[in-house]
C-alpha cells in the first residue's frame, strides 16, 4: 500500500462520515438558531428550552435521511469489499 492510497482511502472514509453526520448536524444548528432567535425576541433565558427542540429535530432528520444514509454506507462498504483483493496487494 502506498501513502497515496492510504491518504485517498482516509479521505474517502472521512468524506463518508461527514456526509452521514451532516443532516443531523445541520438540523441541530438550524433548530438551535431558531430557538435562540425566539429566546432573544421573548427575552426568555431558559437553558433547557433549546435541548428538547434540538433533540426532536435531530431525531426527525435521522428518520427522514435514514434510507439515504443506509445507501451511502452500504455503497462505501460494498466498494471496500469489492476492492479488498486490490487493498491486500
C-alpha atoms as a PDB file:
ATOM      1  CA  UNK A   1       0.000   0.000   0.000  1.00  0.00           C
ATOM      2  CA  UNK A   2       1.327   3.361  -0.979  1.00  0.00           C
ATOM      3  CA  UNK A   3       0.962   6.551   1.052  1.00  0.00           C
ATOM      4  CA  UNK A   4      -1.229   7.974  -1.736  1.00  0.00           C
ATOM      5  CA  UNK A   5      -3.584   5.007  -1.485  1.00  0.00           C
ATOM      6  CA  UNK A   6      -3.864   5.288   2.292  1.00  0.00           C
ATOM      7  CA  UNK A   7      -4.448   9.040   2.199  1.00  0.00           C
ATOM      8  CA  UNK A   8      -7.084   8.591  -0.541  1.00  0.00           C
ATOM      9  CA  UNK A   9      -8.811   5.864   1.444  1.00  0.00           C
ATOM     10  CA  UNK A  10      -8.733   8.003   4.592  1.00  0.00           C
ATOM     11  CA  UNK A  11     -10.141  10.967   2.657  1.00  0.00           C
ATOM     12  CA  UNK A  12     -12.991   8.802   1.328  1.00  0.00           C
ATOM     13  CA  UNK A  13     -13.771   7.480   4.827  1.00  0.00           C
ATOM     14  CA  UNK A  14     -13.818  10.982   6.348  1.00  0.00           C
ATOM     15  CA  UNK A  15     -15.956  12.268   3.472  1.00  0.00           C
ATOM     16  CA  UNK A  16     -18.450   9.435   4.035  1.00  0.00           C
ATOM     17  CA  UNK A  17     -18.552  10.106   7.780  1.00  0.00           C
ATOM     18  CA  UNK A  18     -19.198  13.814   7.201  1.00  0.00           C
ATOM     19  CA  UNK A  19     -21.921  13.040   4.666  1.00  0.00           C
ATOM     20  CA  UNK A  20     -23.615  10.746   7.185  1.00  0.00           C
ATOM     21  CA  UNK A  21     -23.420  13.279  10.025  1.00  0.00           C
ATOM     22  CA  UNK A  22     -24.288  16.412   8.023  1.00  0.00           C
ATOM     23  CA  UNK A  23     -28.110  16.150   8.018  1.00  0.00           C
ATOM     24  CA  UNK A  24     -28.338  15.791  11.803  1.00  0.00           C
ATOM     25  CA  UNK A  25     -25.715  18.468  12.465  1.00  0.00           C
ATOM     26  CA  UNK A  26     -27.365  20.933  10.073  1.00  0.00           C
ATOM     27  CA  UNK A  27     -30.780  20.291  11.616  1.00  0.00           C
ATOM     28  CA  UNK A  28     -29.404  20.794  15.124  1.00  0.00           C
ATOM     29  CA  UNK A  29     -27.758  24.035  14.016  1.00  0.00           C
ATOM     30  CA  UNK A  30     -30.918  25.334  12.348  1.00  0.00           C
ATOM     31  CA  UNK A  31     -33.169  24.455  15.284  1.00  0.00           C
ATOM     32  CA  UNK A  32     -30.665  25.985  17.716  1.00  0.00           C
ATOM     33  CA  UNK A  33     -30.580  29.248  15.763  1.00  0.00           C
ATOM     34  CA  UNK A  34     -34.380  29.401  15.541  1.00  0.00           C
ATOM     35  CA  UNK A  35     -34.835  28.730  19.258  1.00  0.00           C
ATOM     36  CA  UNK A  36     -32.139  31.291  20.101  1.00  0.00           C
ATOM     37  CA  UNK A  37     -33.914  33.882  17.961  1.00  0.00           C
ATOM     38  CA  UNK A  38     -37.170  33.055  19.757  1.00  0.00           C
ATOM     39  CA  UNK A  39     -35.451  33.393  23.120  1.00  0.00           C
ATOM     40  CA  UNK A  40     -33.911  36.719  22.139  1.00  0.00           C
ATOM     41  CA  UNK A  41     -37.248  38.059  20.899  1.00  0.00           C
ATOM     42  CA  UNK A  42     -39.175  37.000  24.000  1.00  0.00           C
ATOM     43  CA  UNK A  43     -36.286  37.553  26.458  1.00  0.00           C
ATOM     44  CA  UNK A  44     -36.712  34.046  27.860  1.00  0.00           C
ATOM     45  CA  UNK A  45     -33.321  32.874  29.092  1.00  0.00           C
ATOM     46  CA  UNK A  46     -34.103  29.255  29.870  1.00  0.00           C
ATOM     47  CA  UNK A  47     -31.148  26.985  29.066  1.00  0.00           C
ATOM     48  CA  UNK A  48     -33.213  23.809  28.813  1.00  0.00           C
ATOM     49  CA  UNK A  49     -35.566  25.296  26.208  1.00  0.00           C
ATOM     50  CA  UNK A  50     -33.051  24.586  23.443  1.00  0.00           C
ATOM     51  CA  UNK A  51     -32.477  20.935  24.344  1.00  0.00           C
ATOM     52  CA  UNK A  52     -35.881  19.380  23.562  1.00  0.00           C
ATOM     53  CA  UNK A  53     -36.456  21.041  20.154  1.00  0.00           C
ATOM     54  CA  UNK A  54     -32.906  20.161  19.077  1.00  0.00           C
ATOM     55  CA  UNK A  55     -33.378  16.568  20.155  1.00  0.00           C
ATOM     56  CA  UNK A  56     -36.676  16.312  18.272  1.00  0.00           C
ATOM     57  CA  UNK A  57     -35.202  17.970  15.188  1.00  0.00           C
ATOM     58  CA  UNK A  58     -32.216  15.633  15.101  1.00  0.00           C
ATOM     59  CA  UNK A  59     -34.490  12.601  15.579  1.00  0.00           C
ATOM     60  CA  UNK A  60     -36.738  13.797  12.742  1.00  0.00           C
ATOM     61  CA  UNK A  61     -33.733  14.359  10.476  1.00  0.00           C
ATOM     62  CA  UNK A  62     -32.491  10.872  11.310  1.00  0.00           C
ATOM     63  CA  UNK A  63     -35.858   9.396  10.355  1.00  0.00           C
ATOM     64  CA  UNK A  64     -36.029  11.369   7.121  1.00  0.00           C
ATOM     65  CA  UNK A  65     -32.458  10.771   5.977  1.00  0.00           C
ATOM     66  CA  UNK A  66     -32.045   7.183   7.217  1.00  0.00           C
ATOM     67  CA  UNK A  67     -32.706   5.485   3.833  1.00  0.00           C
ATOM     68  CA  UNK A  68     -30.188   7.767   2.132  1.00  0.00           C
ATOM     69  CA  UNK A  69     -27.667   7.162   4.913  1.00  0.00           C
ATOM     70  CA  UNK A  70     -28.056   3.401   4.535  1.00  0.00           C
ATOM     71  CA  UNK A  71     -27.418   3.703   0.789  1.00  0.00           C
ATOM     72  CA  UNK A  72     -24.281   5.790   1.373  1.00  0.00           C
ATOM     73  CA  UNK A  73     -22.772   3.445   3.948  1.00  0.00           C
ATOM     74  CA  UNK A  74     -23.642   0.270   2.019  1.00  0.00           C
ATOM     75  CA  UNK A  75     -22.114   1.796  -1.113  1.00  0.00           C
ATOM     76  CA  UNK A  76     -18.934   2.605   0.781  1.00  0.00           C
ATOM     77  CA  UNK A  77     -18.732  -0.858   2.329  1.00  0.00           C
ATOM     78  CA  UNK A  78     -19.607  -2.557  -0.959  1.00  0.00           C
ATOM     79  CA  UNK A  79     -16.801  -0.673  -2.664  1.00  0.00           C
ATOM     80  CA  UNK A  80     -14.444  -1.679   0.121  1.00  0.00           C
ATOM     81  CA  UNK A  81     -15.389  -5.364  -0.085  1.00  0.00           C
ATOM     82  CA  UNK A  82     -15.230  -5.470  -3.885  1.00  0.00           C
ATOM     83  CA  UNK A  83     -11.771  -3.876  -3.914  1.00  0.00           C
ATOM     84  CA  UNK A  84     -10.453  -5.947  -0.979  1.00  0.00           C
ATOM     85  CA  UNK A  85      -8.073  -8.025  -3.165  1.00  0.00           C
ATOM     86  CA  UNK A  86      -6.556  -4.800  -4.501  1.00  0.00           C
ATOM     87  CA  UNK A  87      -6.159  -3.470  -0.941  1.00  0.00           C
ATOM     88  CA  UNK A  88      -4.276  -6.568   0.169  1.00  0.00           C
ATOM     89  CA  UNK A  89      -1.599  -6.240  -2.518  1.00  0.00           C
END
